[in-house]
Amino acid sequence: MIDGGLDDWLESSKAEVAAAIADVPRVRSLLVATARAGEAISYSALLAQLGTRFTRPKMRALCKTLDAIDEAGAAAGEPELAVLVVRESDGLPGQGWWAGGHAQRLGHEGPWEGPAAHALVDRLQAEAFAHWQAR
């Protein structure tokens, strides 16, 4: 142990990463920029923009932030932004998005993968792109 130097730095670094992931206005602004660009973004790329690398716990924390962003957006009449955050493997949102009720609120009761899932995600992403590109 180094007189708290390394330990203090590690704790500070963890706190900074947690604060960046939970920073709703910052994450929202990154997603709005992504929507204006007409693109989706992977969980890894979004976490990298927040100054950290992908881990499952960080992704789960990010999903809580995404839920908060979409709740506020829905109250303001805005389209979903969380749908822009996707897995690199297939371009679809992760299980948390599907299980969290996003798809069910939109009438999708089918599987989380495949043509119907892609069609729903494509439609929602197109809505987000059109909304934010018009502003």
Protein backbone atom coordinates (compact mmCIF):
# COMPACT_ATOMS: atom_id res chain seq x y z
CA MET A 1 0.00 0.00 0.00
CA ILE A 2 1.35 3.40 -0.96
CA ASP A 3 0.33 5.85 1.80
CA GLY A 4 -3.09 6.17 0.26
CA GLY A 5 -1.72 7.69 -2.95
CA LEU A 6 -2.65 4.87 -5.29
CA ASP A 7 -5.71 3.89 -3.27
CA ASP A 8 -6.93 7.49 -3.22
CA TRP A 9 -6.37 7.79 -6.96
CA LEU A 10 -8.24 4.55 -7.66
CA GLU A 11 -11.21 5.62 -5.52
CA SER A 12 -11.25 9.04 -7.14
CA SER A 13 -11.09 7.48 -10.59
CA LYS A 14 -14.01 5.14 -9.80
CA ALA A 15 -16.06 8.05 -8.52
CA GLU A 16 -15.33 10.10 -11.65
CA VAL A 17 -16.37 7.24 -13.92
CA ALA A 18 -19.56 6.64 -11.94
CA ALA A 19 -20.38 10.35 -12.05
CA ALA A 20 -19.79 10.48 -15.82
CA ILE A 21 -22.06 7.48 -16.43
CA ALA A 22 -24.79 8.96 -14.22
CA ASP A 23 -24.52 12.46 -15.73
CA VAL A 24 -27.94 12.60 -17.39
CA PRO A 25 -27.44 15.96 -19.18
CA ARG A 26 -24.06 14.89 -20.57
CA VAL A 27 -25.23 11.46 -21.74
CA ARG A 28 -28.37 13.03 -23.21
CA SER A 29 -26.31 15.57 -25.15
CA LEU A 30 -24.15 12.76 -26.56
CA LEU A 31 -27.27 10.89 -27.66
CA VAL A 32 -28.83 13.99 -29.20
CA ALA A 33 -25.61 14.54 -31.18
CA THR A 34 -25.74 10.90 -32.25
CA ALA A 35 -29.36 11.30 -33.37
CA ARG A 36 -28.54 14.47 -35.29
CA ALA A 37 -25.78 12.56 -37.05
CA GLY A 38 -28.32 9.90 -38.02
CA GLU A 39 -26.39 7.11 -36.36
CA ALA A 40 -26.68 4.55 -33.62
CA ILE A 41 -23.86 4.15 -31.10
CA SER A 42 -22.58 1.03 -29.39
CA TYR A 43 -22.50 0.68 -25.63
CA SER A 44 -18.69 0.51 -25.86
CA ALA A 45 -18.43 3.68 -27.93
CA LEU A 46 -20.74 5.63 -25.63
CA LEU A 47 -18.83 4.49 -22.56
CA ALA A 48 -15.58 5.48 -24.31
CA GLN A 49 -17.00 8.96 -24.89
CA LEU A 50 -17.63 9.08 -21.15
CA GLY A 51 -13.98 8.25 -20.50
CA THR A 52 -14.18 4.59 -19.61
CA ARG A 53 -14.07 1.16 -21.14
CA PHE A 54 -16.92 -1.31 -21.46
CA THR A 55 -17.72 -3.64 -18.59
CA ARG A 56 -21.07 -5.21 -17.85
CA PRO A 57 -21.51 -3.33 -14.54
CA LYS A 58 -20.81 -0.03 -16.30
CA MET A 59 -23.24 -0.94 -19.07
CA ARG A 60 -25.94 -1.71 -16.48
CA ALA A 61 -25.28 1.64 -14.79
CA LEU A 62 -25.49 3.37 -18.17
CA CYS A 63 -28.84 1.68 -18.80
CA LYS A 64 -30.23 3.32 -15.64
CA THR A 65 -29.13 6.68 -17.01
CA LEU A 66 -30.72 5.86 -20.37
CA ASP A 67 -33.99 5.01 -18.63
CA ALA A 68 -33.95 8.38 -16.83
CA ILE A 69 -33.28 10.17 -20.13
CA ASP A 70 -36.16 8.41 -21.87
CA GLU A 71 -38.58 9.00 -18.99
CA ALA A 72 -37.88 12.74 -19.10
CA GLY A 73 -38.00 12.72 -22.90
CA ALA A 74 -41.36 10.97 -22.97
CA ALA A 75 -42.75 13.55 -20.55
CA ALA A 76 -41.53 16.26 -22.95
CA GLY A 77 -43.03 14.51 -25.99
CA GLU A 78 -39.64 13.50 -27.40
CA PRO A 79 -38.83 10.18 -29.07
CA GLU A 80 -36.71 7.58 -27.32
CA LEU A 81 -32.96 8.07 -27.29
CA ALA A 82 -31.96 4.83 -25.54
CA VAL A 83 -32.88 2.93 -28.72
CA LEU A 84 -29.81 4.52 -30.33
CA VAL A 85 -27.50 2.60 -27.98
CA VAL A 86 -26.90 -0.85 -29.44
CA ARG A 87 -24.81 -3.97 -29.24
CA GLU A 88 -21.93 -4.11 -31.68
CA SER A 89 -22.79 -7.72 -32.51
CA ASP A 90 -26.20 -7.12 -34.10
CA GLY A 91 -27.05 -3.41 -33.92
CA LEU A 92 -29.91 -3.93 -31.48
CA PRO A 93 -30.39 -2.54 -27.98
CA GLY A 94 -29.47 -4.90 -25.17
CA GLN A 95 -31.70 -7.11 -23.11
CA GLY A 96 -32.34 -4.37 -20.54
CA TRP A 97 -34.01 -2.19 -23.16
CA TRP A 98 -36.31 -5.01 -24.21
CA ALA A 99 -37.01 -6.34 -20.72
CA GLY A 100 -37.35 -2.84 -19.29
CA GLY A 101 -40.65 -2.37 -21.05
CA HIS A 102 -39.59 -0.06 -23.88
CA ALA A 103 -40.69 -2.45 -26.60
CA GLN A 104 -43.83 -3.58 -24.79
CA ARG A 105 -45.02 0.03 -24.38
CA LEU A 106 -44.78 0.28 -28.16
CA GLY A 107 -46.78 -2.89 -28.76
CA HIS A 108 -43.88 -5.24 -29.51
CA GLU A 109 -44.39 -8.60 -27.83
CA GLY A 110 -42.07 -10.60 -30.06
CA PRO A 111 -38.50 -11.76 -29.69
CA TRP A 112 -35.59 -9.44 -28.90
CA GLU A 113 -33.79 -10.47 -32.09
CA GLY A 114 -34.67 -11.09 -35.70
CA PRO A 115 -36.54 -9.18 -38.40
CA ALA A 116 -39.40 -7.85 -36.23
CA ALA A 117 -36.97 -6.57 -33.59
CA HIS A 118 -34.83 -4.90 -36.25
CA ALA A 119 -37.91 -3.33 -37.84
CA LEU A 120 -39.03 -1.84 -34.51
CA VAL A 121 -35.56 -0.51 -33.72
CA ASP A 122 -35.14 0.90 -37.22
CA ARG A 123 -38.49 2.71 -36.93
CA LEU A 124 -37.72 4.16 -33.50
CA GLN A 125 -34.23 5.22 -34.55
CA ALA A 126 -35.65 6.91 -37.66
CA GLU A 127 -38.10 8.82 -35.44
CA ALA A 128 -35.25 9.98 -33.20
CA PHE A 129 -33.12 10.99 -36.21
CA ALA A 130 -35.95 12.98 -37.80
CA HIS A 131 -36.88 14.68 -34.53
CA TRP A 132 -33.37 15.83 -33.63
CA GLN A 133 -32.27 16.67 -37.17
CA ALA A 134 -35.24 19.03 -37.45
CA ARG A 135 -33.98 21.04 -34.45
